[in-house]
């Protein structure tokens, strides 16, 4: 990226974008709508929508429940820079 400030902000937000895309990809792979996924994990469609649009700050417990609903497991890594 040409502008250092823009690159720094992009890098700062990259984990959120990666999480959002992973959730969307897993949901689509399962063939679920947001509503169907929400029903599987006992929440509302609006919660899934907020998560997928980047307007949520989910807890680890919620992400674990989400992974189960997506027939997946949650893996969180710290990678040295």
N, C-alpha and C. Protein backbone atom coordinates (compact mmCIF):
# COMPACT_ATOMS: atom_id res chain seq x y z
N UNK A 1 0.85 -1.18 0.00
CA UNK A 1 0.00 0.00 0.00
C UNK A 1 0.89 1.23 0.00
N UNK A 2 0.42 2.24 -0.68
CA UNK A 2 1.22 3.44 -0.91
C UNK A 2 1.31 4.35 0.31
N UNK A 3 0.24 4.44 1.08
CA UNK A 3 0.19 5.39 2.19
C UNK A 3 0.37 4.67 3.53
N UNK A 4 1.41 5.01 4.27
CA UNK A 4 1.71 4.30 5.52
C UNK A 4 0.57 4.33 6.54
N UNK A 5 -0.14 5.44 6.67
CA UNK A 5 -1.23 5.52 7.66
C UNK A 5 -2.38 4.59 7.27
N UNK A 6 -2.66 4.52 6.00
CA UNK A 6 -3.74 3.64 5.54
C UNK A 6 -3.33 2.18 5.74
N UNK A 7 -2.09 1.86 5.41
CA UNK A 7 -1.61 0.49 5.62
C UNK A 7 -1.64 0.11 7.09
N UNK A 8 -1.24 1.04 7.96
CA UNK A 8 -1.25 0.76 9.40
C UNK A 8 -2.66 0.47 9.88
N UNK A 9 -3.63 1.23 9.42
CA UNK A 9 -5.03 1.01 9.82
C UNK A 9 -5.55 -0.31 9.27
N UNK A 10 -5.21 -0.60 8.03
CA UNK A 10 -5.61 -1.88 7.43
C UNK A 10 -5.03 -3.04 8.24
N UNK A 11 -3.75 -2.95 8.55
CA UNK A 11 -3.09 -4.00 9.34
C UNK A 11 -3.74 -4.16 10.71
N UNK A 12 -4.15 -3.05 11.30
CA UNK A 12 -4.79 -3.09 12.61
C UNK A 12 -6.13 -3.81 12.56
N UNK A 13 -6.86 -3.64 11.46
CA UNK A 13 -8.20 -4.23 11.33
C UNK A 13 -8.19 -5.62 10.69
N UNK A 14 -7.05 -6.07 10.19
CA UNK A 14 -6.97 -7.32 9.47
C UNK A 14 -7.53 -8.52 10.25
N UNK A 15 -7.25 -8.67 11.55
CA UNK A 15 -7.82 -9.82 12.26
C UNK A 15 -9.36 -9.83 12.24
N UNK A 16 -9.98 -8.67 12.38
CA UNK A 16 -11.44 -8.61 12.33
C UNK A 16 -11.96 -9.02 10.96
N UNK A 17 -11.30 -8.51 9.90
CA UNK A 17 -11.73 -8.86 8.54
C UNK A 17 -11.58 -10.37 8.30
N UNK A 18 -10.50 -10.94 8.80
CA UNK A 18 -10.26 -12.37 8.62
C UNK A 18 -11.33 -13.18 9.34
N UNK A 19 -11.66 -12.79 10.56
CA UNK A 19 -12.70 -13.49 11.32
C UNK A 19 -14.04 -13.40 10.59
N UNK A 20 -14.41 -12.21 10.17
CA UNK A 20 -15.69 -12.02 9.48
C UNK A 20 -15.77 -12.91 8.25
N UNK A 21 -14.71 -12.89 7.44
CA UNK A 21 -14.72 -13.69 6.21
C UNK A 21 -14.78 -15.17 6.51
N UNK A 22 -14.09 -15.61 7.58
CA UNK A 22 -14.12 -17.03 7.95
C UNK A 22 -15.53 -17.45 8.35
N UNK A 23 -16.24 -16.61 9.10
CA UNK A 23 -17.61 -16.92 9.51
C UNK A 23 -18.52 -17.01 8.29
N UNK A 24 -18.43 -16.03 7.42
CA UNK A 24 -19.27 -16.02 6.21
C UNK A 24 -18.98 -17.25 5.37
N UNK A 25 -17.69 -17.54 5.14
CA UNK A 25 -17.33 -18.69 4.31
C UNK A 25 -17.85 -20.00 4.91
N UNK A 26 -17.69 -20.17 6.22
CA UNK A 26 -18.16 -21.40 6.88
C UNK A 26 -19.68 -21.51 6.81
N UNK A 27 -20.38 -20.40 7.02
CA UNK A 27 -21.85 -20.42 6.97
C UNK A 27 -22.33 -20.79 5.57
N UNK A 28 -21.73 -20.18 4.56
CA UNK A 28 -22.12 -20.47 3.18
C UNK A 28 -21.80 -21.93 2.82
N UNK A 29 -20.64 -22.41 3.26
CA UNK A 29 -20.26 -23.80 3.01
C UNK A 29 -21.27 -24.76 3.62
N UNK A 30 -21.78 -24.43 4.80
CA UNK A 30 -22.80 -25.25 5.45
C UNK A 30 -24.16 -25.12 4.77
N UNK A 31 -24.32 -24.09 3.94
CA UNK A 31 -25.59 -23.87 3.26
C UNK A 31 -26.63 -23.22 4.13
N UNK A 32 -26.18 -22.54 5.18
CA UNK A 32 -27.10 -21.90 6.13
C UNK A 32 -27.30 -20.42 5.82
N UNK A 33 -28.51 -19.96 6.05
CA UNK A 33 -28.76 -18.53 6.07
C UNK A 33 -28.34 -18.01 7.44
N UNK A 34 -28.29 -16.70 7.58
CA UNK A 34 -28.01 -16.13 8.90
C UNK A 34 -29.05 -16.60 9.91
N UNK A 35 -30.30 -16.65 9.52
CA UNK A 35 -31.38 -17.07 10.40
C UNK A 35 -31.20 -18.53 10.82
N UNK A 36 -30.87 -19.38 9.89
CA UNK A 36 -30.69 -20.80 10.21
C UNK A 36 -29.53 -21.00 11.19
N UNK A 37 -28.43 -20.28 10.96
CA UNK A 37 -27.30 -20.36 11.87
C UNK A 37 -27.69 -19.85 13.25
N UNK A 38 -28.38 -18.73 13.28
CA UNK A 38 -28.82 -18.16 14.55
C UNK A 38 -29.70 -19.16 15.32
N UNK A 39 -30.61 -19.80 14.63
CA UNK A 39 -31.47 -20.79 15.27
C UNK A 39 -30.66 -21.95 15.83
N UNK A 40 -29.63 -22.39 15.11
CA UNK A 40 -28.79 -23.50 15.57
C UNK A 40 -28.09 -23.19 16.88
N UNK A 41 -27.70 -21.92 17.06
CA UNK A 41 -26.91 -21.60 18.25
C UNK A 41 -27.72 -20.83 19.30
N UNK A 42 -29.01 -20.67 19.05
CA UNK A 42 -29.87 -20.06 20.06
C UNK A 42 -29.74 -18.56 20.18
N UNK A 43 -29.59 -17.89 19.05
CA UNK A 43 -29.52 -16.43 19.08
C UNK A 43 -30.42 -15.88 17.98
N UNK A 44 -30.35 -14.60 17.75
CA UNK A 44 -31.18 -13.95 16.73
C UNK A 44 -30.37 -13.72 15.46
N UNK A 45 -31.08 -13.66 14.35
CA UNK A 45 -30.45 -13.38 13.05
C UNK A 45 -29.69 -12.07 13.09
N UNK A 46 -30.22 -11.09 13.80
CA UNK A 46 -29.57 -9.77 13.86
C UNK A 46 -28.19 -9.84 14.50
N UNK A 47 -27.99 -10.78 15.41
CA UNK A 47 -26.67 -10.97 16.05
C UNK A 47 -25.67 -11.46 15.01
N UNK A 48 -26.09 -12.41 14.18
CA UNK A 48 -25.21 -12.92 13.12
C UNK A 48 -24.93 -11.81 12.11
N UNK A 49 -25.94 -11.05 11.77
CA UNK A 49 -25.76 -9.94 10.84
C UNK A 49 -24.76 -8.92 11.35
N UNK A 50 -24.88 -8.56 12.64
CA UNK A 50 -23.93 -7.60 13.22
C UNK A 50 -22.51 -8.15 13.19
N UNK A 51 -22.37 -9.43 13.50
CA UNK A 51 -21.05 -10.05 13.47
C UNK A 51 -20.46 -10.00 12.06
N UNK A 52 -21.26 -10.41 11.09
CA UNK A 52 -20.77 -10.47 9.71
C UNK A 52 -20.53 -9.10 9.09
N UNK A 53 -21.11 -8.06 9.65
CA UNK A 53 -20.90 -6.71 9.12
C UNK A 53 -19.81 -5.96 9.89
N UNK A 54 -19.25 -6.61 10.90
CA UNK A 54 -18.17 -5.98 11.65
C UNK A 54 -18.62 -5.05 12.75
N UNK A 55 -19.89 -5.12 13.12
CA UNK A 55 -20.42 -4.23 14.15
C UNK A 55 -20.60 -4.94 15.49
N UNK A 56 -19.88 -6.04 15.68
CA UNK A 56 -20.00 -6.79 16.94
C UNK A 56 -18.61 -7.07 17.48
N UNK A 57 -18.55 -7.29 18.77
CA UNK A 57 -17.31 -7.66 19.43
C UNK A 57 -17.59 -8.95 20.22
N UNK A 58 -17.56 -10.09 19.52
CA UNK A 58 -18.00 -11.34 20.15
C UNK A 58 -17.02 -11.84 21.21
N UNK A 59 -17.56 -12.50 22.20
CA UNK A 59 -16.74 -13.13 23.23
C UNK A 59 -16.19 -14.46 22.68
N UNK A 60 -15.19 -14.98 23.34
CA UNK A 60 -14.66 -16.29 22.97
C UNK A 60 -15.74 -17.35 23.14
N UNK A 61 -16.52 -17.25 24.19
CA UNK A 61 -17.61 -18.22 24.41
C UNK A 61 -18.59 -18.21 23.24
N UNK A 62 -18.94 -17.02 22.74
CA UNK A 62 -19.85 -16.93 21.60
C UNK A 62 -19.20 -17.53 20.36
N UNK A 63 -17.92 -17.25 20.14
CA UNK A 63 -17.23 -17.79 18.97
C UNK A 63 -17.17 -19.32 19.03
N UNK A 64 -17.00 -19.88 20.23
CA UNK A 64 -17.01 -21.34 20.38
C UNK A 64 -18.38 -21.90 20.01
N UNK A 65 -19.44 -21.24 20.47
CA UNK A 65 -20.80 -21.68 20.14
C UNK A 65 -21.04 -21.57 18.63
N UNK A 66 -20.55 -20.49 18.05
CA UNK A 66 -20.68 -20.27 16.61
C UNK A 66 -19.96 -21.37 15.84
N UNK A 67 -18.75 -21.71 16.28
CA UNK A 67 -17.99 -22.78 15.61
C UNK A 67 -18.75 -24.09 15.66
N UNK A 68 -19.33 -24.42 16.81
CA UNK A 68 -20.11 -25.65 16.92
C UNK A 68 -21.29 -25.64 15.94
N UNK A 69 -21.96 -24.49 15.84
CA UNK A 69 -23.09 -24.37 14.92
C UNK A 69 -22.68 -24.49 13.47
N UNK A 70 -21.40 -24.22 13.21
CA UNK A 70 -20.88 -24.32 11.85
C UNK A 70 -20.13 -25.63 11.62
N UNK A 71 -20.32 -26.59 12.54
CA UNK A 71 -19.64 -27.89 12.45
C UNK A 71 -18.13 -27.71 12.29
N UNK A 72 -17.58 -26.79 13.09
CA UNK A 72 -16.17 -26.45 13.05
C UNK A 72 -15.65 -26.41 14.48
N UNK A 73 -14.38 -26.11 14.61
CA UNK A 73 -13.82 -25.85 15.94
C UNK A 73 -13.11 -24.50 15.88
N UNK A 74 -13.04 -23.86 17.02
CA UNK A 74 -12.41 -22.55 17.12
C UNK A 74 -10.94 -22.74 17.44
N UNK A 75 -10.10 -22.03 16.68
CA UNK A 75 -8.66 -22.06 16.92
C UNK A 75 -8.16 -20.62 16.90
N UNK A 76 -7.53 -20.20 17.98
CA UNK A 76 -6.99 -18.85 18.06
C UNK A 76 -5.48 -18.97 18.20
N UNK A 77 -4.76 -18.22 17.41
CA UNK A 77 -3.31 -18.29 17.42
C UNK A 77 -2.69 -16.91 17.63
N UNK A 78 -1.57 -16.90 18.31
CA UNK A 78 -0.72 -15.72 18.37
C UNK A 78 0.50 -16.04 17.52
N UNK A 79 0.76 -15.22 16.54
CA UNK A 79 1.87 -15.44 15.62
C UNK A 79 2.88 -14.32 15.80
N UNK A 80 4.11 -14.68 16.10
CA UNK A 80 5.15 -13.68 16.31
C UNK A 80 5.37 -12.87 15.03
N UNK A 81 5.59 -11.57 15.21
CA UNK A 81 5.82 -10.72 14.04
C UNK A 81 7.27 -10.71 13.64
